[in-house]
Structure formats: C-alpha cells, structure tokens
Amino acid sequence: MLPRDVLNVACKEGIIPSWEPTPLTEPPDEIVRVLADWLVSPQAERTPAARRYLFYLKWMYETFHAIAECFPKHNVGREGHKDYHLVPLSRPREMLYLANHLYVLDSYGVAGAVLECGCFQGYTSCCLSHACTFLSRDLIVADSFEGLPAPAGGEAEYYSAGDYAATLAQVRNNVQTFGRPECVRYLEGWFRDSLQGWDRPLVLLWTDVDLYRSTLDVLENVFTALDPRAVAFSHEFSAERILAGQITYPHESPGAYRDFMDRHGIEYWARYLYGWTAAVAFPTSEAYGSFKFMAAMMDYLRESDHRVRVAQSLTGLWRDAGGLARRVLSGRRGPYQ
C-alpha cells in the first residue's frame, strides 16, 4: 500500500497496527484514511522517508499536469479523426497511479526497467521519464512509429492502419522538451519483431496499443520478464470491462489480456483505476493496496496544487470584496430609506 520504509514508520509510531496484507487484497477504508491523514500531517513531515514520498507525489502530480497544459493539443493534419486530440483530461491522474506504484515497488527492491508499449506522440513517455529519473530507472519506449498495424475482424470497424502515428523524431522532440531524455531508450518496430527474445527484467509494463493482436505480441514476448511482484497497466479499459476482478470484455486489449492469462493458466486480478487505465495484478504482486491509497490521496494533491491554491485565494478575495461592497451599498441606502 505504502512504500515499505514509510509503512514501517507508520507502524512503529503507532499510526496503525502492524498490517500484513494477503495477496490481492486491499486495506480497510479506515486504515487508508488514517494513513492518508498522517502522511500530510506535521508528524509525518518530521520523517525523512514520509517527506520524500510526499514530495515525489506532489512533484509528479504537478509535473504531469504542467506537461498536459504545455504539450501539443492537436495532431495537425488529422482533423476529424480519432487521433486528433493528443492529451485527454484524465491522463495526468492516470499516470499518477503508475508513478506511485513504481515508487512503492522501488521501496520493496523490485529491480528492472519500465517498458512502455505504444506511445503515440509521447505524453505518457514524458511523464514516466520524470518518475524513472527520480528512481534511477530506465524507460524503454517501444512503438512502430508508423501508427497501428492493419486491424483485424471487428476492430477494423473503428481502427485503421496508421492511426495514432507519430515519427520517432516527433516523440524524441517531445521528450526532450517536456521529459527527461537521459533515462529513455527507444525500440522501433512492430512488437512481434522488436520484442522478440526479450529477456531484460521489468518492474512495470504499460501498454497502450489498442489492438488485440498487438497486445498479444507484447505479452507473448515480455510477460515472463515482468517481475512476479510487479503488475501490468493497460490503457484500454473502462469500469464495465471488469467484473469481480475478471476481464469480461472479449475484444481489443482487454480481451487479449484475458485470453493470454487464461491460456497460460495465470491467476490474475484486474482493477479499474481511472479514465481508461486498469492494473492487472497477480497473487505474487506486491503492494496491491497502493491503488486504493492513491485514490485517497488525489483530493489532497489537487487541493495542495499551487494553481488551485491561487484560484482559491482569488475566489476568497472576490468573495470578501463582494461582501464589503454589499455592506457599503447597504449603508449608503440606509439614510434614504
């Protein structure tokens, strides 16, 4: 749920009793609330481990939003197509779930690089590069840089070959401008070719590849390199595509995840997070409760954002000014009534 060092402090100081989660279980609401309140309290501020973790969350939250505000908004030349808009409003919050879980896994000593499959113009690559640089991880960005391959079956009714295309030069330029290029490596080509023989250990897998076959090409080549304590994240999920932890949607990426797990007899638990993002965890996955804790921290991170604080201050000033004006006007009217 929390980074190991932070959780140890919370238990040692009696914030919560020692709590050992069972696989694929989330902590009770009361424990989550108590820990979230403690993390932002003066008591936790005196603890280096808690202070570093909170700084990381605030930095990632504000950085991801700043990238979204400054990143190119439109895919020029694709007006009227599904890939015209580049950064949905949900993306910063979605990426924070990944960044937080990466920090927690780091505290548990889980080794490996981060692999991103499908990057479009690189918004998520920019976000992940900040998290990876903070934690001294490599980020490998794998993409055809030619858009989607030709879709098959029913997917051809919505997708077309070449959708979501961006050149390697475009992505590099965006990462250079908005990200941390020193930790990023690029892997160009179709997944069935570029990922063949993959054996580099992975701490986190992030897929945003849209198509059923493309998702299978990723999983069939890299899944065995994913640390057993890790999870996989995917950007093709909505809440109704998961029921009681099992993927029910048979098409596109969710269907590929489901079929791959079933075919290999892998026990899993899928959890919808936010926007179009879900996590696929396993009985050996570490810190499954981090998703619930991150959800509890979102309101605090939003309220503590300097832009929100400025807006709230301005709202308060306008409210005070309005009240004063009403009192003055009321006083002026008095003698004439």
Foldseek 3Di string as FASTA:
>chain_A
DAAPVLVVVCCVVPLDPDDDDAFPDADDPVSLVSSLVVLPDPVVCVPVVSVVLVVQLLVLLQLLVVLVVPPDQADPPQPPAPRGGPDDPFVSLQLSLVLRVLNNVVSVVQDFAEEEEQQLQNSSVQSVQASCVVSVHAYEYEYQLQAADAADDPVNVRDGGRPSHHHPVSNVVSCVVRHDVVRYDYFHRQLLPRLAPDQTAHQEYEYERFFLVSLLSNCVRCVVNYPLQHKYKYQAADPVQDDQQAGNDCGTNSVNVRVVCVVVVFDWGWADQDNRMIIIHGSNHPPSNSRVSSVVNVVVSVCPNVVNVVVVVVVVVVVVVVVVVVVVVVVVCVVVD
